[in-house]
């Protein structure tokens, strides 16, 4: 509805930055719940993340994000994926790429994309923190209400908890944690 606010009835509405093929995928998702077949999803995953986010199609965005993570993080793409995931609020993809970086830092630091990562003080801080705590984090699911250190949980665990409370599962890890903490304080189950 917000897309058509400034236009009179029957006036064509320009949709910038989204090609016909992507828009068709979005329409099929919105009206039929259809997730594209794996080959299409794989080929267009980054573009789909951006377009799905633009049009509020969280399920499609998460499917494309999962496809990017499943396609594999390697030394050549880890730095680039960290930056993309950070900019697109793809918490699970960012977590996977940062985990790869921590385990393979020398190879990633030798990649072309690493120079761009170095330009971001915030991401460098996150990478340093991840490297320092690697192996020291407990990554288990909470066993009770007093065992909720959300910062130590995997994004998939945070998303499951949010979904069980009927809350939004999209956003950066910090946003997911904030939603859970608000729900804890507000008494949402």
N, C-alpha and C. Protein backbone atom coordinates (compact mmCIF):
# COMPACT_ATOMS: atom_id res chain seq x y z
N UNK A 1 0.82 -1.19 0.00
CA UNK A 1 0.00 0.00 0.00
C UNK A 1 0.86 1.25 0.00
N UNK A 2 1.95 1.24 0.78
CA UNK A 2 2.82 2.40 0.83
C UNK A 2 3.46 2.67 -0.52
N UNK A 3 3.62 1.63 -1.31
CA UNK A 3 4.21 1.76 -2.63
C UNK A 3 3.35 2.63 -3.54
N UNK A 4 2.04 2.57 -3.37
CA UNK A 4 1.11 3.27 -4.26
C UNK A 4 0.53 4.54 -3.66
N UNK A 5 0.97 4.94 -2.49
CA UNK A 5 0.40 6.11 -1.80
C UNK A 5 0.36 7.38 -2.63
N UNK A 6 1.43 7.67 -3.33
CA UNK A 6 1.54 8.95 -4.03
C UNK A 6 1.01 8.91 -5.46
N UNK A 7 0.29 7.86 -5.82
CA UNK A 7 -0.16 7.72 -7.19
C UNK A 7 -1.67 7.62 -7.26
N UNK A 8 -2.24 8.21 -8.31
CA UNK A 8 -3.69 8.14 -8.54
C UNK A 8 -4.04 6.74 -9.04
N UNK A 9 -5.31 6.38 -8.93
CA UNK A 9 -5.78 5.08 -9.44
C UNK A 9 -5.41 4.93 -10.91
N UNK A 10 -5.08 3.72 -11.30
CA UNK A 10 -4.76 3.34 -12.68
C UNK A 10 -3.52 4.04 -13.23
N UNK A 11 -2.73 4.65 -12.37
CA UNK A 11 -1.47 5.26 -12.79
C UNK A 11 -0.37 4.22 -12.63
N UNK A 12 0.43 4.00 -13.67
CA UNK A 12 1.54 3.05 -13.53
C UNK A 12 2.49 3.49 -12.40
N UNK A 13 2.92 2.53 -11.61
CA UNK A 13 3.82 2.82 -10.49
C UNK A 13 5.20 2.26 -10.81
N UNK A 14 6.19 3.13 -10.92
CA UNK A 14 7.54 2.63 -11.22
C UNK A 14 8.13 1.91 -10.00
N UNK A 15 8.76 0.78 -10.25
CA UNK A 15 9.41 0.02 -9.18
C UNK A 15 10.90 -0.03 -9.53
N UNK A 16 11.64 0.84 -8.89
CA UNK A 16 13.07 0.95 -9.17
C UNK A 16 13.86 -0.16 -8.48
N UNK A 17 14.99 -0.47 -9.03
CA UNK A 17 15.98 -1.38 -8.44
C UNK A 17 15.54 -2.83 -8.35
N UNK A 18 14.42 -3.20 -8.95
CA UNK A 18 13.97 -4.59 -8.93
C UNK A 18 13.54 -4.96 -10.34
N UNK A 19 14.24 -5.92 -10.93
CA UNK A 19 13.91 -6.36 -12.28
C UNK A 19 12.63 -7.18 -12.30
N UNK A 20 12.11 -7.40 -13.50
CA UNK A 20 10.87 -8.15 -13.68
C UNK A 20 10.97 -9.56 -13.09
N UNK A 21 12.10 -10.23 -13.31
CA UNK A 21 12.24 -11.60 -12.81
C UNK A 21 12.18 -11.65 -11.29
N UNK A 22 12.83 -10.71 -10.61
CA UNK A 22 12.77 -10.67 -9.15
C UNK A 22 11.38 -10.30 -8.65
N UNK A 23 10.76 -9.35 -9.31
CA UNK A 23 9.44 -8.93 -8.89
C UNK A 23 8.43 -10.07 -9.06
N UNK A 24 8.58 -10.85 -10.13
CA UNK A 24 7.72 -12.01 -10.35
C UNK A 24 7.88 -13.01 -9.20
N UNK A 25 9.11 -13.23 -8.77
CA UNK A 25 9.38 -14.14 -7.65
C UNK A 25 8.71 -13.62 -6.38
N UNK A 26 8.81 -12.32 -6.15
CA UNK A 26 8.20 -11.71 -4.97
C UNK A 26 6.67 -11.85 -5.02
N UNK A 27 6.09 -11.59 -6.17
CA UNK A 27 4.63 -11.74 -6.30
C UNK A 27 4.19 -13.18 -6.06
N UNK A 28 4.94 -14.12 -6.57
CA UNK A 28 4.58 -15.54 -6.36
C UNK A 28 4.70 -15.90 -4.89
N UNK A 29 5.66 -15.30 -4.20
CA UNK A 29 5.80 -15.56 -2.77
C UNK A 29 4.64 -14.92 -2.01
N UNK A 30 4.35 -13.66 -2.32
CA UNK A 30 3.30 -12.93 -1.60
C UNK A 30 1.93 -13.57 -1.80
N UNK A 31 1.60 -13.93 -3.03
CA UNK A 31 0.26 -14.43 -3.32
C UNK A 31 0.12 -15.94 -3.25
N UNK A 32 1.23 -16.66 -3.31
CA UNK A 32 1.13 -18.12 -3.29
C UNK A 32 2.03 -18.81 -2.29
N UNK A 33 2.83 -18.02 -1.57
CA UNK A 33 3.75 -18.61 -0.60
C UNK A 33 4.86 -19.43 -1.26
N UNK A 34 5.07 -19.20 -2.54
CA UNK A 34 6.02 -19.99 -3.32
C UNK A 34 7.46 -19.50 -3.10
N UNK A 35 8.31 -20.45 -2.72
CA UNK A 35 9.75 -20.19 -2.63
C UNK A 35 10.34 -20.70 -3.94
N UNK A 36 11.18 -19.93 -4.61
CA UNK A 36 11.73 -20.40 -5.89
C UNK A 36 12.52 -21.70 -5.73
N UNK A 37 12.59 -22.47 -6.82
CA UNK A 37 13.37 -23.70 -6.77
C UNK A 37 14.82 -23.35 -6.47
N UNK A 38 15.55 -24.34 -6.01
CA UNK A 38 16.89 -24.10 -5.48
C UNK A 38 17.83 -23.44 -6.49
N UNK A 39 17.79 -23.85 -7.73
CA UNK A 39 18.68 -23.25 -8.73
C UNK A 39 18.45 -21.76 -8.89
N UNK A 40 17.18 -21.37 -8.94
CA UNK A 40 16.83 -19.95 -9.07
C UNK A 40 17.22 -19.21 -7.80
N UNK A 41 16.90 -19.81 -6.68
CA UNK A 41 17.23 -19.19 -5.39
C UNK A 41 18.73 -19.00 -5.26
N UNK A 42 19.48 -20.00 -5.67
CA UNK A 42 20.94 -19.93 -5.57
C UNK A 42 21.50 -18.83 -6.47
N UNK A 43 21.01 -18.73 -7.70
CA UNK A 43 21.52 -17.75 -8.65
C UNK A 43 21.19 -16.32 -8.26
N UNK A 44 20.07 -16.12 -7.60
CA UNK A 44 19.58 -14.77 -7.32
C UNK A 44 19.52 -14.45 -5.83
N UNK A 45 20.21 -15.21 -5.01
CA UNK A 45 20.06 -15.09 -3.56
C UNK A 45 20.33 -13.68 -3.04
N UNK A 46 21.43 -13.08 -3.43
CA UNK A 46 21.74 -11.73 -2.92
C UNK A 46 20.70 -10.71 -3.35
N UNK A 47 20.35 -10.75 -4.62
CA UNK A 47 19.34 -9.82 -5.12
C UNK A 47 18.00 -10.04 -4.44
N UNK A 48 17.67 -11.31 -4.19
CA UNK A 48 16.41 -11.63 -3.51
C UNK A 48 16.40 -11.13 -2.07
N UNK A 49 17.52 -11.24 -1.39
CA UNK A 49 17.59 -10.73 -0.01
C UNK A 49 17.22 -9.25 0.00
N UNK A 50 17.82 -8.50 -0.90
CA UNK A 50 17.61 -7.04 -0.94
C UNK A 50 16.17 -6.71 -1.35
N UNK A 51 15.68 -7.37 -2.42
CA UNK A 51 14.32 -7.09 -2.89
C UNK A 51 13.27 -7.54 -1.89
N UNK A 52 13.45 -8.73 -1.32
CA UNK A 52 12.48 -9.23 -0.34
C UNK A 52 12.43 -8.32 0.88
N UNK A 53 13.58 -7.82 1.29
CA UNK A 53 13.62 -6.90 2.42
C UNK A 53 12.89 -5.59 2.07
N UNK A 54 13.11 -5.11 0.88
CA UNK A 54 12.48 -3.87 0.42
C UNK A 54 10.95 -3.96 0.46
N UNK A 55 10.42 -5.15 0.12
CA UNK A 55 8.97 -5.32 0.06
C UNK A 55 8.39 -6.04 1.28
N UNK A 56 9.21 -6.23 2.31
CA UNK A 56 8.72 -6.81 3.56
C UNK A 56 8.37 -8.28 3.49
N UNK A 57 9.03 -9.02 2.62
CA UNK A 57 8.79 -10.46 2.47
C UNK A 57 9.82 -11.23 3.30
N UNK A 58 9.61 -11.24 4.60
CA UNK A 58 10.59 -11.82 5.53
C UNK A 58 10.89 -13.28 5.22
N UNK A 59 9.88 -14.08 4.97
CA UNK A 59 10.10 -15.50 4.69
C UNK A 59 10.98 -15.72 3.48
N UNK A 60 10.76 -14.95 2.43
CA UNK A 60 11.58 -15.05 1.22
C UNK A 60 13.01 -14.58 1.50
N UNK A 61 13.13 -13.51 2.25
CA UNK A 61 14.47 -13.01 2.60
C UNK A 61 15.24 -14.06 3.40
N UNK A 62 14.60 -14.67 4.38
CA UNK A 62 15.26 -15.68 5.20
C UNK A 62 15.63 -16.91 4.38
N UNK A 63 14.79 -17.29 3.41
CA UNK A 63 15.10 -18.43 2.54
C UNK A 63 16.33 -18.11 1.67
N UNK A 64 16.38 -16.90 1.14
CA UNK A 64 17.54 -16.51 0.32
C UNK A 64 18.80 -16.42 1.18
N UNK A 65 18.65 -15.90 2.39
CA UNK A 65 19.80 -15.83 3.31
C UNK A 65 20.31 -17.24 3.63
N UNK A 66 19.40 -18.15 3.92
CA UNK A 66 19.79 -19.53 4.22
C UNK A 66 20.49 -20.16 3.02
N UNK A 67 20.03 -19.86 1.82
CA UNK A 67 20.67 -20.39 0.61
C UNK A 67 22.09 -19.85 0.48
N UNK A 68 22.28 -18.57 0.76
CA UNK A 68 23.64 -18.00 0.71
C UNK A 68 24.56 -18.69 1.72
N UNK A 69 24.06 -18.92 2.91
CA UNK A 69 24.87 -19.58 3.94
C UNK A 69 25.16 -21.03 3.56
N UNK A 70 24.15 -21.70 3.00
CA UNK A 70 24.32 -23.11 2.62
C UNK A 70 25.22 -23.27 1.41
N UNK A 71 25.26 -22.26 0.55
CA UNK A 71 26.10 -22.33 -0.65
C UNK A 71 27.58 -22.40 -0.28
N UNK A 72 27.87 -21.99 0.92
CA UNK A 72 29.24 -22.14 1.40
C UNK A 72 30.00 -20.84 1.52
N UNK A 73 30.61 -20.70 2.66
CA UNK A 73 31.50 -19.58 2.92
C UNK A 73 32.90 -20.12 2.71
N UNK A 74 33.72 -19.36 1.97
CA UNK A 74 35.09 -19.78 1.76
C UNK A 74 36.02 -18.58 1.91
N UNK A 75 37.30 -18.82 1.78
CA UNK A 75 38.28 -17.75 1.99
C UNK A 75 38.09 -16.60 1.01
N UNK A 76 37.62 -16.90 -0.19
CA UNK A 76 37.45 -15.86 -1.20
C UNK A 76 36.22 -14.99 -0.98
N UNK A 77 35.16 -15.56 -0.35
CA UNK A 77 33.93 -14.78 -0.23
C UNK A 77 33.57 -14.40 1.21
N UNK A 78 34.30 -14.89 2.20
CA UNK A 78 33.93 -14.64 3.60
C UNK A 78 33.87 -13.15 3.94
N UNK A 79 34.88 -12.41 3.57
CA UNK A 79 34.91 -10.98 3.90
C UNK A 79 33.75 -10.25 3.23
N UNK A 80 33.52 -10.56 1.97
CA UNK A 80 32.43 -9.94 1.22
C UNK A 80 31.07 -10.31 1.83
N UNK A 81 30.91 -11.56 2.23
CA UNK A 81 29.65 -11.99 2.84
C UNK A 81 29.41 -11.33 4.19
N UNK A 82 30.46 -11.12 4.95
CA UNK A 82 30.33 -10.41 6.24
C UNK A 82 29.76 -9.02 5.99
N UNK A 83 30.34 -8.32 5.03
CA UNK A 83 29.88 -6.96 4.72
C UNK A 83 28.45 -6.95 4.18
N UNK A 84 28.16 -7.87 3.25
CA UNK A 84 26.81 -7.94 2.70
C UNK A 84 25.80 -8.25 3.79
N UNK A 85 26.10 -9.26 4.59
CA UNK A 85 25.18 -9.68 5.65
C UNK A 85 24.96 -8.57 6.66
N UNK A 86 26.00 -7.85 6.99
CA UNK A 86 25.87 -6.74 7.93
C UNK A 86 24.95 -5.66 7.35
N UNK A 87 25.16 -5.31 6.11
CA UNK A 87 24.36 -4.27 5.47
C UNK A 87 22.92 -4.66 5.24
N UNK A 88 22.66 -5.95 5.04
CA UNK A 88 21.31 -6.43 4.75
C UNK A 88 20.62 -7.02 5.98
N UNK A 89 21.23 -6.89 7.14
CA UNK A 89 20.68 -7.45 8.39
C UNK A 89 20.38 -8.94 8.26
N UNK A 90 21.34 -9.68 7.74
CA UNK A 90 21.23 -11.14 7.61
C UNK A 90 22.08 -11.77 8.70
N UNK A 91 21.50 -11.88 9.88
CA UNK A 91 22.25 -12.30 11.06
C UNK A 91 22.84 -13.70 10.94
N UNK A 92 22.10 -14.64 10.38
CA UNK A 92 22.60 -16.01 10.27
C UNK A 92 23.77 -16.09 9.29
N UNK A 93 23.66 -15.41 8.17
CA UNK A 93 24.74 -15.39 7.18
C UNK A 93 25.98 -14.71 7.76
N UNK A 94 25.79 -13.62 8.47
CA UNK A 94 26.91 -12.92 9.08
C UNK A 94 27.59 -13.82 10.10
N UNK A 95 26.81 -14.52 10.90
CA UNK A 95 27.36 -15.42 11.90
C UNK A 95 28.19 -16.52 11.24
N UNK A 96 27.67 -17.11 10.15
CA UNK A 96 28.38 -18.17 9.44
C UNK A 96 29.69 -17.64 8.84
N UNK A 97 29.64 -16.47 8.24
CA UNK A 97 30.84 -15.89 7.62
C UNK A 97 31.87 -15.50 8.69
N UNK A 98 31.40 -14.98 9.81
CA UNK A 98 32.33 -14.62 10.89
C UNK A 98 32.94 -15.86 11.53
N UNK A 99 32.15 -16.91 11.69
CA UNK A 99 32.70 -18.17 12.20
C UNK A 99 33.79 -18.70 11.28
N UNK A 100 33.55 -18.61 9.97
CA UNK A 100 34.56 -19.06 9.01
C UNK A 100 35.81 -18.20 9.13
N UNK A 101 35.62 -16.89 9.25
CA UNK A 101 36.76 -15.98 9.39
C UNK A 101 37.61 -16.35 10.61
N UNK A 102 36.96 -16.58 11.73
CA UNK A 102 37.67 -16.91 12.96
C UNK A 102 38.49 -18.19 12.79
N UNK A 103 37.92 -19.16 12.10
CA UNK A 103 38.61 -20.45 11.91
C UNK A 103 39.67 -20.41 10.80
N UNK A 104 39.56 -19.45 9.90
CA UNK A 104 40.45 -19.39 8.73
C UNK A 104 40.95 -17.97 8.49
N UNK A 105 41.33 -17.29 9.55
CA UNK A 105 41.62 -15.86 9.45
C UNK A 105 42.76 -15.54 8.48
N UNK A 106 43.80 -16.32 8.47
CA UNK A 106 44.92 -16.00 7.56
C UNK A 106 44.49 -16.03 6.11
N UNK A 107 43.74 -17.04 5.73
CA UNK A 107 43.28 -17.14 4.34
C UNK A 107 42.32 -16.01 3.99
N UNK A 108 41.41 -15.67 4.89
CA UNK A 108 40.45 -14.59 4.61
C UNK A 108 41.17 -13.25 4.56
N UNK A 109 42.14 -13.05 5.42
CA UNK A 109 42.88 -11.79 5.44
C UNK A 109 43.71 -11.61 4.17
N UNK A 110 44.00 -12.69 3.47
CA UNK A 110 44.73 -12.61 2.21
C UNK A 110 43.80 -12.37 1.02
N UNK A 111 42.49 -12.39 1.25
CA UNK A 111 41.53 -12.23 0.15
C UNK A 111 41.39 -10.76 -0.24
N UNK A 112 40.85 -10.55 -1.43
CA UNK A 112 40.64 -9.18 -1.93
C UNK A 112 39.63 -8.42 -1.09
N UNK A 113 38.60 -9.10 -0.58
CA UNK A 113 37.54 -8.43 0.17
C UNK A 113 37.95 -7.96 1.55
N UNK A 114 39.04 -8.48 2.06
CA UNK A 114 39.43 -8.13 3.43
C UNK A 114 39.75 -6.63 3.58
N UNK A 115 40.27 -6.01 2.55
CA UNK A 115 40.58 -4.57 2.63
C UNK A 115 39.33 -3.76 2.95
N UNK A 116 38.18 -4.17 2.40
CA UNK A 116 36.94 -3.46 2.69
C UNK A 116 36.48 -3.71 4.12
N UNK A 117 36.70 -4.91 4.63
CA UNK A 117 36.34 -5.21 6.01
C UNK A 117 37.15 -4.32 6.95
N UNK A 118 38.41 -4.12 6.64
CA UNK A 118 39.28 -3.30 7.48
C UNK A 118 38.78 -1.86 7.59
N UNK A 119 38.01 -1.40 6.62
CA UNK A 119 37.49 -0.04 6.64
C UNK A 119 36.35 0.15 7.64
N UNK A 120 35.80 -0.95 8.11
CA UNK A 120 34.69 -0.87 9.06
C UNK A 120 35.18 -1.17 10.47
N UNK A 121 35.26 -0.13 11.27
CA UNK A 121 35.71 -0.29 12.65
C UNK A 121 34.78 -1.21 13.43
N UNK A 122 33.48 -1.06 13.20
CA UNK A 122 32.51 -1.88 13.91
C UNK A 122 32.67 -3.36 13.61
N UNK A 123 32.83 -3.70 12.34
CA UNK A 123 32.98 -5.10 11.97
C UNK A 123 34.32 -5.63 12.47
N UNK A 124 35.36 -4.84 12.40
CA UNK A 124 36.66 -5.28 12.92
C UNK A 124 36.56 -5.56 14.42
N UNK A 125 35.82 -4.73 15.13
CA UNK A 125 35.60 -4.95 16.56
C UNK A 125 34.86 -6.26 16.79
N UNK A 126 33.81 -6.51 16.00
CA UNK A 126 33.05 -7.77 16.13
C UNK A 126 33.92 -8.98 15.82
N UNK A 127 34.76 -8.87 14.79
CA UNK A 127 35.65 -9.99 14.44
C UNK A 127 36.67 -10.25 15.54
N UNK A 128 37.21 -9.19 16.12
CA UNK A 128 38.16 -9.34 17.21
C UNK A 128 37.49 -10.00 18.41
N UNK A 129 36.30 -9.55 18.74
CA UNK A 129 35.56 -10.15 19.86
C UNK A 129 35.26 -11.62 19.58
N UNK A 130 34.86 -11.93 18.35
CA UNK A 130 34.56 -13.32 17.99
C UNK A 130 35.82 -14.19 18.08
N UNK A 131 36.95 -13.65 17.63
CA UNK A 131 38.20 -14.41 17.68
C UNK A 131 38.65 -14.63 19.11
N UNK A 132 38.45 -13.64 19.96
CA UNK A 132 38.88 -13.75 21.36
C UNK A 132 38.02 -14.74 22.14
N UNK A 133 36.76 -14.85 21.79
CA UNK A 133 35.87 -15.74 22.54
C UNK A 133 35.69 -17.09 21.86
N UNK A 134 36.30 -17.29 20.70
CA UNK A 134 36.17 -18.57 19.99
C UNK A 134 36.59 -19.72 20.89
N UNK A 135 35.70 -20.68 21.03
CA UNK A 135 35.99 -21.82 21.89
C UNK A 135 35.56 -21.61 23.32
N UNK A 136 35.37 -20.36 23.73
CA UNK A 136 34.96 -20.09 25.11
C UNK A 136 33.46 -19.90 25.24
N UNK A 137 32.77 -19.74 24.12
CA UNK A 137 31.33 -19.52 24.16
C UNK A 137 30.61 -20.83 24.35
N UNK A 138 29.65 -20.81 25.24
CA UNK A 138 28.76 -21.97 25.26
C UNK A 138 27.68 -21.67 24.25
N UNK A 139 27.44 -22.58 23.38
CA UNK A 139 26.48 -22.36 22.30
C UNK A 139 25.24 -23.21 22.48
N UNK A 140 24.98 -23.62 23.68
CA UNK A 140 23.82 -24.48 23.92
C UNK A 140 22.56 -23.66 24.11
N UNK A 141 21.45 -24.31 23.90
CA UNK A 141 20.17 -23.66 24.13
C UNK A 141 19.97 -23.49 25.64
N UNK A 142 19.24 -22.47 26.04
CA UNK A 142 19.02 -22.27 27.47
C UNK A 142 18.21 -23.43 28.07
N UNK A 143 18.52 -23.76 29.30
CA UNK A 143 17.81 -24.85 29.97
C UNK A 143 16.70 -24.32 30.87
N UNK A 144 16.74 -23.06 31.18
CA UNK A 144 15.71 -22.46 32.02
C UNK A 144 15.73 -20.95 31.89
N UNK A 145 14.79 -20.26 32.55
CA UNK A 145 14.70 -18.81 32.41
C UNK A 145 15.93 -18.07 32.93
N UNK A 146 16.66 -18.66 33.85
CA UNK A 146 17.86 -17.99 34.37
C UNK A 146 19.09 -18.27 33.51
N UNK A 147 18.95 -19.13 32.52
CA UNK A 147 20.07 -19.52 31.67
C UNK A 147 19.89 -18.88 30.28
N UNK A 148 19.70 -17.58 30.25
CA UNK A 148 19.44 -16.89 28.99
C UNK A 148 20.49 -15.84 28.70
N UNK A 149 21.65 -16.26 28.29
CA UNK A 149 22.64 -15.30 27.83
C UNK A 149 22.52 -15.24 26.32
N UNK A 150 21.62 -14.38 25.85
CA UNK A 150 21.28 -14.31 24.44
C UNK A 150 22.50 -14.04 23.57
N UNK A 151 23.46 -13.28 24.06
CA UNK A 151 24.63 -12.95 23.26
C UNK A 151 25.47 -14.17 22.91
N UNK A 152 25.36 -15.22 23.70
CA UNK A 152 26.12 -16.43 23.44
C UNK A 152 25.37 -17.43 22.57
N UNK A 153 24.12 -17.14 22.25
CA UNK A 153 23.30 -18.07 21.46
C UNK A 153 23.54 -17.87 19.97
N UNK A 154 23.32 -18.94 19.23
CA UNK A 154 23.36 -18.89 17.77
C UNK A 154 22.11 -18.15 17.28
N UNK A 155 22.21 -17.58 16.11
CA UNK A 155 21.09 -16.85 15.53
C UNK A 155 19.89 -17.77 15.35
N UNK A 156 20.12 -19.00 14.95
CA UNK A 156 19.00 -19.93 14.76
C UNK A 156 18.23 -20.15 16.07
N UNK A 157 18.94 -20.21 17.20
CA UNK A 157 18.29 -20.36 18.50
C UNK A 157 17.47 -19.12 18.84
N UNK A 158 18.04 -17.96 18.58
CA UNK A 158 17.32 -16.72 18.86
C UNK A 158 16.04 -16.65 18.02
N UNK A 159 16.15 -17.02 16.74
CA UNK A 159 14.99 -16.97 15.86
C UNK A 159 13.91 -17.95 16.32
N UNK A 160 14.30 -19.14 16.76
CA UNK A 160 13.31 -20.11 17.25
C UNK A 160 12.58 -19.57 18.47
N UNK A 161 13.32 -18.93 19.38
CA UNK A 161 12.69 -18.37 20.58
C UNK A 161 11.73 -17.24 20.21
N UNK A 162 12.16 -16.38 19.29
CA UNK A 162 11.30 -15.28 18.85
C UNK A 162 10.04 -15.81 18.18
N UNK A 163 10.20 -16.80 17.32
CA UNK A 163 9.06 -17.38 16.62
C UNK A 163 8.07 -18.00 17.61
N UNK A 164 8.59 -18.68 18.63
CA UNK A 164 7.70 -19.30 19.61
C UNK A 164 6.91 -18.26 20.41
N UNK A 165 7.42 -17.04 20.46
CA UNK A 165 6.72 -15.95 21.15
C UNK A 165 5.87 -15.12 20.19
N UNK A 166 5.89 -15.51 18.91
CA UNK A 166 5.12 -14.77 17.92
C UNK A 166 5.73 -13.44 17.54
N UNK A 167 7.04 -13.31 17.71
CA UNK A 167 7.73 -12.05 17.43
C UNK A 167 8.48 -12.14 16.10
N UNK A 168 8.88 -10.99 15.58
CA UNK A 168 9.60 -10.89 14.31
C UNK A 168 10.95 -11.60 14.41
N UNK A 169 11.31 -12.36 13.38
CA UNK A 169 12.56 -13.12 13.38
C UNK A 169 13.60 -12.53 12.44
N UNK A 170 13.33 -11.37 11.87
CA UNK A 170 14.23 -10.74 10.92
C UNK A 170 15.01 -9.63 11.58
N UNK A 171 16.27 -9.47 11.18
CA UNK A 171 17.09 -8.37 11.67
C UNK A 171 18.46 -8.84 12.10
N UNK A 172 19.25 -7.91 12.54
CA UNK A 172 20.60 -8.23 13.01
C UNK A 172 20.50 -9.01 14.32
N UNK A 173 21.61 -9.63 14.70
CA UNK A 173 21.61 -10.38 15.95
C UNK A 173 21.29 -9.46 17.12
N UNK A 174 21.80 -8.26 17.09
CA UNK A 174 21.53 -7.30 18.16
C UNK A 174 20.04 -6.99 18.25
N UNK A 175 19.39 -6.86 17.09
CA UNK A 175 17.95 -6.59 17.07
C UNK A 175 17.17 -7.78 17.64
N UNK A 176 17.59 -8.99 17.28
CA UNK A 176 16.91 -10.19 17.79
C UNK A 176 17.04 -10.28 19.30
N UNK A 177 18.24 -10.01 19.80
CA UNK A 177 18.48 -10.04 21.24
C UNK A 177 17.62 -8.99 21.94
N UNK A 178 17.56 -7.81 21.36
CA UNK A 178 16.77 -6.72 21.95
C UNK A 178 15.29 -7.11 22.03
N UNK A 179 14.77 -7.73 20.99
CA UNK A 179 13.37 -8.16 21.00
C UNK A 179 13.12 -9.19 22.11
N UNK A 180 14.04 -10.13 22.27
CA UNK A 180 13.88 -11.13 23.32
C UNK A 180 13.96 -10.51 24.71
N UNK A 181 14.89 -9.59 24.89
CA UNK A 181 15.02 -8.93 26.20
C UNK A 181 13.78 -8.11 26.51
N UNK A 182 13.24 -7.40 25.51
CA UNK A 182 12.00 -6.65 25.72
C UNK A 182 10.86 -7.58 26.09
N UNK A 183 10.80 -8.74 25.42
CA UNK A 183 9.74 -9.71 25.71
C UNK A 183 9.89 -10.25 27.13
N UNK A 184 11.14 -10.47 27.57
CA UNK A 184 11.38 -10.94 28.93
C UNK A 184 10.89 -9.91 29.95
N UNK A 185 11.20 -8.65 29.70
CA UNK A 185 10.81 -7.60 30.64
C UNK A 185 9.32 -7.32 30.58
N UNK A 186 8.74 -7.54 29.38
CA UNK A 186 7.32 -7.26 29.22
C UNK A 186 6.42 -8.44 29.57
N UNK A 187 7.03 -9.56 29.88
CA UNK A 187 6.24 -10.73 30.28
C UNK A 187 5.65 -11.52 29.13
N UNK A 188 6.14 -11.30 27.88
CA UNK A 188 5.65 -12.08 26.74
C UNK A 188 6.23 -13.48 26.84
N UNK A 189 5.42 -14.51 26.65
CA UNK A 189 5.91 -15.89 26.72
C UNK A 189 6.35 -16.29 25.38
